[in-house]
Amino acid sequence: MSVYFYGCVTLDGYLAGRDHNLDWLHESGTVEETDYEAFYREMDVTLMGRRTFQELEKAGNPAEYYPSTQNYVFTHQPLSREGFTAVCGDAAEFTEGLGPDRNIWVVGGNTLLSPLLDRDLVDRLILQVAPVLLGGGVPLFTQKEALRRFRLEEVRKYGQFAELRYGRT
């Protein structure tokens, strides 16, 4: 099992604005400017929180974005979208239960990423940095005050985005 976080943050480290919107991201560039397609082809499972899922719904049909993966949304509410399964409970235990030989993408957000980092389950961080300062919002990292080290493996440039690829040491 390999667990990836792949996502975009602002220069000041935010995943989303104060009201959880992603307008800043959509105004910064397009997915076609990145290696998203190649990355997605390697994934078997996506994990996301309810707020991330709701932002996807605002953009259209979420199944169009994730057609070939098993998709799980951490929520206490039922979902009525084909291709997505609602789950609740401990994110780390659920992730460990997905079994070996699976590439798992943590789509967002920090509430989901935090317990996985705390349990040392994240193998790769692929961060795209947009040239935007929000000054506040939803931060990417909120895990406990525990030291975690990753090693820089590669730096790429896609349009206005800088992509930093880290692996667990």
N, C-alpha and C. Protein backbone atom coordinates (compact mmCIF):
# COMPACT_ATOMS: atom_id res chain seq x y z
N MET A 1 0.84 -1.17 0.00
CA MET A 1 0.00 0.00 0.00
C MET A 1 0.90 1.24 0.00
N SER A 2 0.57 2.17 -0.90
CA SER A 2 1.24 3.46 -0.90
C SER A 2 0.17 4.54 -0.79
N VAL A 3 0.39 5.47 0.13
CA VAL A 3 -0.56 6.55 0.37
C VAL A 3 0.09 7.85 -0.11
N TYR A 4 -0.64 8.56 -0.96
CA TYR A 4 -0.17 9.80 -1.55
C TYR A 4 -1.08 10.95 -1.12
N PHE A 5 -0.47 12.10 -0.87
CA PHE A 5 -1.23 13.33 -0.88
C PHE A 5 -0.79 14.06 -2.14
N TYR A 6 -1.74 14.41 -2.99
CA TYR A 6 -1.48 15.16 -4.21
C TYR A 6 -2.46 16.29 -4.24
N GLY A 7 -1.97 17.51 -4.17
CA GLY A 7 -2.88 18.64 -4.16
C GLY A 7 -2.14 19.95 -4.29
N CYS A 8 -2.92 21.00 -4.37
CA CYS A 8 -2.38 22.34 -4.56
C CYS A 8 -2.62 23.17 -3.32
N VAL A 9 -1.63 23.97 -2.97
CA VAL A 9 -1.73 24.90 -1.84
C VAL A 9 -1.29 26.28 -2.32
N THR A 10 -1.63 27.27 -1.52
CA THR A 10 -1.18 28.63 -1.78
C THR A 10 0.24 28.79 -1.25
N LEU A 11 0.87 29.89 -1.60
CA LEU A 11 2.21 30.17 -1.09
C LEU A 11 2.24 30.20 0.43
N ASP A 12 1.13 30.61 1.06
CA ASP A 12 1.08 30.65 2.51
C ASP A 12 0.47 29.39 3.12
N GLY A 13 0.39 28.30 2.34
CA GLY A 13 0.09 26.98 2.88
C GLY A 13 -1.38 26.61 3.05
N TYR A 14 -2.28 27.28 2.33
CA TYR A 14 -3.71 26.97 2.49
C TYR A 14 -4.24 26.12 1.34
N LEU A 15 -5.07 25.17 1.71
CA LEU A 15 -5.77 24.31 0.74
C LEU A 15 -7.01 24.97 0.18
N ALA A 16 -7.66 25.77 0.99
CA ALA A 16 -8.92 26.40 0.62
C ALA A 16 -9.05 27.72 1.36
N GLY A 17 -9.94 28.56 0.87
CA GLY A 17 -10.21 29.83 1.51
C GLY A 17 -10.95 29.66 2.82
N ARG A 18 -11.20 30.76 3.49
CA ARG A 18 -11.89 30.73 4.79
C ARG A 18 -13.25 30.06 4.72
N ASP A 19 -13.93 30.21 3.60
CA ASP A 19 -15.25 29.58 3.44
C ASP A 19 -15.15 28.25 2.68
N HIS A 20 -13.96 27.66 2.66
CA HIS A 20 -13.67 26.37 2.04
C HIS A 20 -13.75 26.39 0.53
N ASN A 21 -13.79 27.56 -0.08
CA ASN A 21 -13.89 27.59 -1.54
C ASN A 21 -12.52 27.46 -2.19
N LEU A 22 -12.55 27.10 -3.45
CA LEU A 22 -11.33 26.91 -4.23
C LEU A 22 -11.22 27.89 -5.39
N ASP A 23 -11.90 29.00 -5.29
CA ASP A 23 -11.87 29.98 -6.38
C ASP A 23 -10.43 30.39 -6.73
N TRP A 24 -9.61 30.57 -5.72
CA TRP A 24 -8.22 30.98 -5.94
C TRP A 24 -7.49 29.98 -6.84
N LEU A 25 -7.82 28.69 -6.70
CA LEU A 25 -7.17 27.64 -7.49
C LEU A 25 -7.63 27.70 -8.94
N HIS A 26 -8.93 27.79 -9.14
CA HIS A 26 -9.48 27.82 -10.50
C HIS A 26 -9.01 29.06 -11.27
N GLU A 27 -8.71 30.11 -10.54
CA GLU A 27 -8.24 31.35 -11.18
C GLU A 27 -6.72 31.35 -11.41
N SER A 28 -6.02 30.30 -10.94
CA SER A 28 -4.56 30.26 -11.03
C SER A 28 -4.05 29.46 -12.22
N GLY A 29 -4.85 28.56 -12.75
CA GLY A 29 -4.42 27.72 -13.85
C GLY A 29 -5.38 26.57 -14.03
N THR A 30 -5.01 25.64 -14.90
CA THR A 30 -5.88 24.50 -15.18
C THR A 30 -5.15 23.20 -14.93
N VAL A 31 -5.93 22.13 -14.76
CA VAL A 31 -5.36 20.81 -14.52
C VAL A 31 -4.53 20.35 -15.72
N GLU A 32 -4.85 20.84 -16.90
CA GLU A 32 -4.10 20.46 -18.10
C GLU A 32 -2.65 20.94 -18.04
N GLU A 33 -2.37 21.90 -17.17
CA GLU A 33 -1.01 22.42 -17.04
C GLU A 33 -0.15 21.54 -16.13
N THR A 34 -0.72 20.50 -15.55
CA THR A 34 -0.01 19.65 -14.60
C THR A 34 0.10 18.22 -15.14
N ASP A 35 0.65 17.33 -14.34
CA ASP A 35 0.73 15.92 -14.72
C ASP A 35 -0.39 15.11 -14.08
N TYR A 36 -1.50 15.76 -13.80
CA TYR A 36 -2.63 15.11 -13.12
C TYR A 36 -3.04 13.81 -13.80
N GLU A 37 -3.18 13.80 -15.11
CA GLU A 37 -3.65 12.61 -15.83
C GLU A 37 -2.74 11.41 -15.57
N ALA A 38 -1.43 11.61 -15.67
CA ALA A 38 -0.48 10.52 -15.43
C ALA A 38 -0.55 10.06 -13.97
N PHE A 39 -0.66 11.00 -13.05
CA PHE A 39 -0.77 10.65 -11.64
C PHE A 39 -2.04 9.82 -11.40
N TYR A 40 -3.16 10.30 -11.90
CA TYR A 40 -4.45 9.63 -11.65
C TYR A 40 -4.46 8.20 -12.20
N ARG A 41 -3.84 7.96 -13.33
CA ARG A 41 -3.81 6.60 -13.91
C ARG A 41 -3.15 5.60 -12.97
N GLU A 42 -2.31 6.06 -12.07
CA GLU A 42 -1.60 5.18 -11.14
C GLU A 42 -2.39 4.89 -9.86
N MET A 43 -3.48 5.59 -9.63
CA MET A 43 -4.24 5.48 -8.39
C MET A 43 -5.35 4.42 -8.49
N ASP A 44 -5.58 3.75 -7.35
CA ASP A 44 -6.64 2.75 -7.24
C ASP A 44 -7.81 3.25 -6.40
N VAL A 45 -7.49 4.11 -5.42
CA VAL A 45 -8.48 4.55 -4.43
C VAL A 45 -8.31 6.05 -4.20
N THR A 46 -9.44 6.77 -4.01
CA THR A 46 -9.37 8.15 -3.55
C THR A 46 -10.08 8.24 -2.20
N LEU A 47 -9.54 9.09 -1.33
CA LEU A 47 -10.13 9.40 -0.04
C LEU A 47 -10.30 10.90 0.04
N MET A 48 -11.47 11.33 0.47
CA MET A 48 -11.70 12.77 0.61
C MET A 48 -12.68 13.03 1.73
N GLY A 49 -12.67 14.24 2.22
CA GLY A 49 -13.63 14.65 3.23
C GLY A 49 -14.89 15.20 2.59
N ARG A 50 -15.88 15.41 3.39
CA ARG A 50 -17.18 15.89 2.92
C ARG A 50 -17.07 17.26 2.25
N ARG A 51 -16.30 18.16 2.83
CA ARG A 51 -16.18 19.51 2.25
C ARG A 51 -15.50 19.47 0.89
N THR A 52 -14.49 18.63 0.73
CA THR A 52 -13.84 18.49 -0.57
C THR A 52 -14.84 17.94 -1.58
N PHE A 53 -15.61 16.95 -1.16
CA PHE A 53 -16.62 16.36 -2.04
C PHE A 53 -17.66 17.42 -2.45
N GLN A 54 -18.07 18.24 -1.51
CA GLN A 54 -19.05 19.29 -1.82
C GLN A 54 -18.50 20.29 -2.83
N GLU A 55 -17.22 20.61 -2.75
CA GLU A 55 -16.62 21.51 -3.73
C GLU A 55 -16.60 20.86 -5.11
N LEU A 56 -16.37 19.56 -5.15
CA LEU A 56 -16.42 18.84 -6.43
C LEU A 56 -17.83 18.88 -7.02
N GLU A 57 -18.81 18.72 -6.17
CA GLU A 57 -20.20 18.76 -6.64
C GLU A 57 -20.54 20.13 -7.23
N LYS A 58 -20.01 21.18 -6.65
CA LYS A 58 -20.26 22.53 -7.18
C LYS A 58 -19.71 22.67 -8.60
N ALA A 59 -18.63 21.95 -8.88
CA ALA A 59 -17.99 22.03 -10.19
C ALA A 59 -18.67 21.15 -11.23
N GLY A 60 -19.57 20.27 -10.81
CA GLY A 60 -20.24 19.38 -11.76
C GLY A 60 -20.42 18.00 -11.17
N ASN A 61 -20.32 17.00 -12.01
CA ASN A 61 -20.48 15.61 -11.59
C ASN A 61 -19.14 15.05 -11.10
N PRO A 62 -18.99 14.77 -9.81
CA PRO A 62 -17.70 14.29 -9.29
C PRO A 62 -17.20 13.00 -9.96
N ALA A 63 -18.12 12.15 -10.43
CA ALA A 63 -17.72 10.89 -11.06
C ALA A 63 -16.91 11.14 -12.34
N GLU A 64 -17.11 12.28 -12.97
CA GLU A 64 -16.34 12.61 -14.16
C GLU A 64 -14.87 12.83 -13.83
N TYR A 65 -14.59 13.29 -12.62
CA TYR A 65 -13.22 13.55 -12.21
C TYR A 65 -12.49 12.28 -11.76
N TYR A 66 -13.25 11.32 -11.25
CA TYR A 66 -12.65 10.10 -10.69
C TYR A 66 -13.37 8.87 -11.23
N PRO A 67 -13.24 8.59 -12.53
CA PRO A 67 -14.03 7.51 -13.14
C PRO A 67 -13.48 6.10 -12.91
N SER A 68 -12.19 5.95 -12.65
CA SER A 68 -11.62 4.61 -12.60
C SER A 68 -11.11 4.19 -11.22
N THR A 69 -11.37 4.98 -10.20
CA THR A 69 -10.92 4.65 -8.85
C THR A 69 -12.10 4.31 -7.96
N GLN A 70 -11.82 3.59 -6.88
CA GLN A 70 -12.81 3.44 -5.81
C GLN A 70 -12.74 4.73 -5.01
N ASN A 71 -13.88 5.36 -4.78
CA ASN A 71 -13.90 6.69 -4.17
C ASN A 71 -14.66 6.67 -2.86
N TYR A 72 -13.99 7.12 -1.79
CA TYR A 72 -14.58 7.13 -0.46
C TYR A 72 -14.63 8.56 0.07
N VAL A 73 -15.75 8.90 0.66
CA VAL A 73 -15.95 10.22 1.25
C VAL A 73 -16.20 10.04 2.74
N PHE A 74 -15.37 10.66 3.55
CA PHE A 74 -15.56 10.60 5.01
C PHE A 74 -16.63 11.60 5.41
N THR A 75 -17.76 11.07 5.83
CA THR A 75 -18.91 11.90 6.17
C THR A 75 -19.85 11.11 7.07
N HIS A 76 -20.67 11.82 7.82
CA HIS A 76 -21.70 11.19 8.63
C HIS A 76 -23.05 11.26 7.94
N GLN A 77 -23.06 11.79 6.72
CA GLN A 77 -24.29 11.94 5.97
C GLN A 77 -24.30 10.96 4.79
N PRO A 78 -25.46 10.50 4.39
CA PRO A 78 -25.53 9.60 3.24
C PRO A 78 -25.18 10.36 1.95
N LEU A 79 -24.66 9.62 0.97
CA LEU A 79 -24.34 10.20 -0.33
C LEU A 79 -25.28 9.61 -1.37
N SER A 80 -25.63 10.43 -2.32
CA SER A 80 -26.50 9.95 -3.38
C SER A 80 -25.80 10.03 -4.74
N ARG A 81 -24.50 9.97 -4.75
CA ARG A 81 -23.72 10.05 -5.98
C ARG A 81 -23.16 8.68 -6.33
N GLU A 82 -23.45 8.24 -7.53
CA GLU A 82 -22.91 6.97 -8.01
C GLU A 82 -21.39 7.09 -8.10
N GLY A 83 -20.70 6.03 -7.71
CA GLY A 83 -19.25 6.01 -7.78
C GLY A 83 -18.55 6.48 -6.52
N PHE A 84 -19.32 6.88 -5.50
CA PHE A 84 -18.75 7.36 -4.25
C PHE A 84 -19.42 6.66 -3.09
N THR A 85 -18.62 6.25 -2.12
CA THR A 85 -19.12 5.54 -0.95
C THR A 85 -18.85 6.37 0.29
N ALA A 86 -19.88 6.58 1.08
CA ALA A 86 -19.74 7.31 2.34
C ALA A 86 -19.15 6.38 3.39
N VAL A 87 -18.15 6.86 4.11
CA VAL A 87 -17.56 6.11 5.22
C VAL A 87 -17.40 7.06 6.39
N CYS A 88 -17.39 6.51 7.59
CA CYS A 88 -17.10 7.32 8.77
C CYS A 88 -16.23 6.50 9.69
N GLY A 89 -15.68 7.16 10.66
CA GLY A 89 -14.79 6.47 11.58
C GLY A 89 -13.37 6.95 11.44
N ASP A 90 -12.46 6.18 11.99
CA ASP A 90 -11.05 6.52 12.02
C ASP A 90 -10.44 6.39 10.62
N ALA A 91 -9.93 7.50 10.09
CA ALA A 91 -9.38 7.51 8.73
C ALA A 91 -8.15 6.61 8.60
N ALA A 92 -7.31 6.58 9.64
CA ALA A 92 -6.10 5.76 9.58
C ALA A 92 -6.46 4.27 9.57
N GLU A 93 -7.38 3.87 10.43
CA GLU A 93 -7.79 2.46 10.44
C GLU A 93 -8.43 2.07 9.12
N PHE A 94 -9.27 2.93 8.58
CA PHE A 94 -9.91 2.64 7.30
C PHE A 94 -8.86 2.47 6.21
N THR A 95 -7.90 3.38 6.17
CA THR A 95 -6.85 3.33 5.15
C THR A 95 -6.02 2.06 5.28
N GLU A 96 -5.65 1.71 6.49
CA GLU A 96 -4.89 0.47 6.71
C GLU A 96 -5.68 -0.75 6.26
N GLY A 97 -7.00 -0.70 6.39
CA GLY A 97 -7.86 -1.80 6.00
C GLY A 97 -8.05 -1.96 4.50
N LEU A 98 -7.57 -1.02 3.73
CA LEU A 98 -7.73 -1.12 2.27
C LEU A 98 -6.81 -2.18 1.66
N GLY A 99 -5.84 -2.61 2.42
CA GLY A 99 -5.00 -3.71 1.98
C GLY A 99 -3.78 -3.30 1.18
N PRO A 100 -2.90 -4.28 0.93
CA PRO A 100 -1.65 -4.01 0.22
C PRO A 100 -1.87 -3.84 -1.29
N ASP A 101 -0.82 -3.45 -1.97
CA ASP A 101 -0.82 -3.34 -3.43
C ASP A 101 -1.87 -2.37 -3.96
N ARG A 102 -2.15 -1.32 -3.22
CA ARG A 102 -3.10 -0.31 -3.66
C ARG A 102 -2.42 1.05 -3.57
N ASN A 103 -2.64 1.87 -4.54
CA ASN A 103 -2.20 3.26 -4.49
C ASN A 103 -3.39 4.10 -4.07
N ILE A 104 -3.23 4.79 -2.94
CA ILE A 104 -4.33 5.52 -2.32
C ILE A 104 -4.00 7.01 -2.36
N TRP A 105 -4.93 7.77 -2.91
CA TRP A 105 -4.76 9.22 -3.04
C TRP A 105 -5.65 9.93 -2.03
N VAL A 106 -5.02 10.66 -1.13
CA VAL A 106 -5.74 11.53 -0.20
C VAL A 106 -5.98 12.84 -0.95
N VAL A 107 -7.21 13.03 -1.42
CA VAL A 107 -7.54 14.19 -2.23
C VAL A 107 -7.61 15.44 -1.35
N GLY A 108 -8.15 15.34 -0.18
CA GLY A 108 -8.26 16.48 0.72
C GLY A 108 -9.16 16.10 1.85
N GLY A 109 -9.10 16.80 2.82
CA GLY A 109 -8.35 17.95 3.23
C GLY A 109 -7.56 17.60 4.48
N ASN A 110 -7.30 18.65 5.26
CA ASN A 110 -6.39 18.49 6.39
C ASN A 110 -6.98 17.60 7.50
N THR A 111 -8.29 17.57 7.64
CA THR A 111 -8.91 16.71 8.66
C THR A 111 -8.66 15.25 8.37
N LEU A 112 -8.56 14.91 7.12
CA LEU A 112 -8.28 13.54 6.70
C LEU A 112 -6.78 13.26 6.67
N LEU A 113 -6.01 14.23 6.19
CA LEU A 113 -4.56 14.04 6.09
C LEU A 113 -3.89 13.96 7.46
N SER A 114 -4.35 14.75 8.40
CA SER A 114 -3.73 14.83 9.71
C SER A 114 -3.60 13.48 10.42
N PRO A 115 -4.67 12.68 10.57
CA PRO A 115 -4.51 11.40 11.26
C PRO A 115 -3.62 10.42 10.49
N LEU A 116 -3.57 10.54 9.18
CA LEU A 116 -2.71 9.65 8.40
C LEU A 116 -1.24 10.01 8.62
N LEU A 117 -0.96 11.31 8.70
CA LEU A 117 0.41 11.74 9.03
C LEU A 117 0.77 11.33 10.45
N ASP A 118 -0.17 11.50 11.38
CA ASP A 118 0.09 11.14 12.77
C ASP A 118 0.44 9.66 12.92
N ARG A 119 -0.15 8.82 12.10
CA ARG A 119 0.12 7.37 12.15
C ARG A 119 1.21 6.96 11.18
N ASP A 120 1.88 7.94 10.56
CA ASP A 120 3.00 7.70 9.65
C ASP A 120 2.60 6.82 8.46
N LEU A 121 1.43 7.08 7.90
CA LEU A 121 0.92 6.29 6.78
C LEU A 121 1.15 6.95 5.42
N VAL A 122 1.54 8.21 5.39
CA VAL A 122 1.69 8.92 4.12
C VAL A 122 3.09 8.65 3.57
N ASP A 123 3.13 8.08 2.36
CA ASP A 123 4.40 7.73 1.73
C ASP A 123 4.94 8.83 0.83
N ARG A 124 4.04 9.58 0.19
CA ARG A 124 4.44 10.60 -0.77
C ARG A 124 3.59 11.85 -0.61
N LEU A 125 4.25 13.00 -0.69
CA LEU A 125 3.57 14.29 -0.73
C LEU A 125 3.91 14.93 -2.06
N ILE A 126 2.91 15.21 -2.86
CA ILE A 126 3.11 15.91 -4.12
C ILE A 126 2.33 17.21 -4.01
N LEU A 127 3.06 18.28 -3.80
CA LEU A 127 2.46 19.59 -3.54
C LEU A 127 2.67 20.51 -4.72
N GLN A 128 1.60 20.99 -5.26
CA GLN A 128 1.68 22.04 -6.26
C GLN A 128 1.41 23.34 -5.52
N VAL A 129 2.25 24.31 -5.77
CA VAL A 129 2.15 25.59 -5.08
C VAL A 129 1.72 26.65 -6.10
N ALA A 130 0.59 27.29 -5.80
CA ALA A 130 0.06 28.35 -6.66
C ALA A 130 0.58 29.70 -6.18
N PRO A 131 0.81 30.63 -7.10
CA PRO A 131 1.33 31.94 -6.73
C PRO A 131 0.24 32.85 -6.17
N VAL A 132 -0.30 32.43 -5.03
CA VAL A 132 -1.41 33.13 -4.39
C VAL A 132 -1.14 33.20 -2.90
N LEU A 133 -1.41 34.35 -2.29
CA LEU A 133 -1.39 34.50 -0.83
C LEU A 133 -2.83 34.76 -0.40
N LEU A 134 -3.39 33.86 0.42
CA LEU A 134 -4.76 34.03 0.89
C LEU A 134 -4.84 34.79 2.20
N GLY A 135 -3.83 34.65 3.04
CA GLY A 135 -3.85 35.32 4.33
C GLY A 135 -4.68 34.61 5.38
N GLY A 136 -5.33 33.55 5.01
CA GLY A 136 -6.14 32.77 5.95
C GLY A 136 -6.97 31.76 5.18
N GLY A 137 -7.44 30.76 5.89
CA GLY A 137 -8.23 29.72 5.25
C GLY A 137 -8.00 28.38 5.91
N VAL A 138 -8.08 27.33 5.13
CA VAL A 138 -7.91 25.96 5.61
C VAL A 138 -6.46 25.56 5.36
N PRO A 139 -5.66 25.40 6.41
CA PRO A 139 -4.25 25.04 6.22
C PRO A 139 -4.10 23.58 5.80
N LEU A 140 -3.03 23.29 5.10
CA LEU A 140 -2.77 21.91 4.69
C LEU A 140 -2.39 21.05 5.89
N PHE A 141 -1.48 21.52 6.71
CA PHE A 141 -0.96 20.69 7.80
C PHE A 141 -1.49 21.14 9.15
N THR A 142 -2.10 20.20 9.87
CA THR A 142 -2.60 20.46 11.22
C THR A 142 -2.35 19.28 12.14
N GLN A 143 -1.43 18.40 11.77
CA GLN A 143 -1.18 17.21 12.59
C GLN A 143 -0.57 17.60 13.93
N LYS A 144 -0.51 16.63 14.82
CA LYS A 144 0.07 16.87 16.14
C LYS A 144 1.50 17.36 16.00
N GLU A 145 2.02 17.91 17.05
CA GLU A 145 3.38 18.44 17.02
C GLU A 145 4.40 17.31 17.06
N ALA A 146 4.44 16.53 15.99
CA ALA A 146 5.40 15.44 15.88
C ALA A 146 6.27 15.69 14.66
N LEU A 147 7.53 15.46 14.81
CA LEU A 147 8.46 15.66 13.72
C LEU A 147 8.24 14.58 12.66
N ARG A 148 8.08 15.00 11.43
CA ARG A 148 7.96 14.10 10.29
C ARG A 148 8.94 14.59 9.24
N ARG A 149 9.73 13.70 8.73
CA ARG A 149 10.69 14.08 7.70
C ARG A 149 10.34 13.41 6.38
N PHE A 150 10.47 14.18 5.32
CA PHE A 150 10.33 13.69 3.96
C PHE A 150 11.57 14.15 3.21
N ARG A 151 11.87 13.50 2.09
CA ARG A 151 13.02 13.91 1.29
C ARG A 151 12.51 14.44 -0.05
N LEU A 152 13.09 15.54 -0.48
CA LEU A 152 12.74 16.12 -1.76
C LEU A 152 13.28 15.23 -2.87
N GLU A 153 12.37 14.77 -3.74
CA GLU A 153 12.77 13.89 -4.84
C GLU A 153 12.83 14.61 -6.17
N GLU A 154 11.95 15.62 -6.33
CA GLU A 154 11.91 16.29 -7.63
C GLU A 154 11.17 17.62 -7.51
N VAL A 155 11.55 18.55 -8.37
CA VAL A 155 10.86 19.83 -8.49
C VAL A 155 10.50 20.01 -9.96
N ARG A 156 9.23 20.35 -10.22
CA ARG A 156 8.76 20.56 -11.59
C ARG A 156 8.04 21.91 -11.67
N LYS A 157 7.96 22.44 -12.87
CA LYS A 157 7.23 23.68 -13.11
C LYS A 157 6.14 23.39 -14.14
N TYR A 158 4.91 23.79 -13.81
CA TYR A 158 3.78 23.65 -14.72
C TYR A 158 3.08 25.00 -14.78
N GLY A 159 3.27 25.73 -15.86
CA GLY A 159 2.66 27.06 -15.95
C GLY A 159 3.06 27.89 -14.75
N GLN A 160 2.09 28.38 -14.00
CA GLN A 160 2.35 29.18 -12.81
C GLN A 160 2.54 28.34 -11.55
N PHE A 161 2.44 27.00 -11.66
CA PHE A 161 2.55 26.13 -10.50
C PHE A 161 3.97 25.57 -10.35
N ALA A 162 4.47 25.54 -9.13
CA ALA A 162 5.68 24.81 -8.80
C ALA A 162 5.22 23.50 -8.15
N GLU A 163 5.78 22.38 -8.56
CA GLU A 163 5.41 21.11 -7.97
C GLU A 163 6.60 20.53 -7.22
N LEU A 164 6.38 20.21 -5.97
CA LEU A 164 7.42 19.63 -5.11
C LEU A 164 7.01 18.20 -4.81
N ARG A 165 7.90 17.26 -5.10
CA ARG A 165 7.60 15.83 -4.86
C ARG A 165 8.51 15.33 -3.75
N TYR A 166 7.86 14.86 -2.69
CA TYR A 166 8.57 14.36 -1.51
C TYR A 166 8.23 12.89 -1.27
N GLY A 167 9.23 12.15 -0.78
CA GLY A 167 9.02 10.78 -0.34
C GLY A 167 9.36 10.65 1.12
N ARG A 168 8.79 9.66 1.75
CA ARG A 168 9.07 9.44 3.18
C ARG A 168 10.51 8.96 3.34
N THR A 169 11.20 9.45 4.36
CA THR A 169 12.59 9.03 4.59
C THR A 169 12.64 7.72 5.33
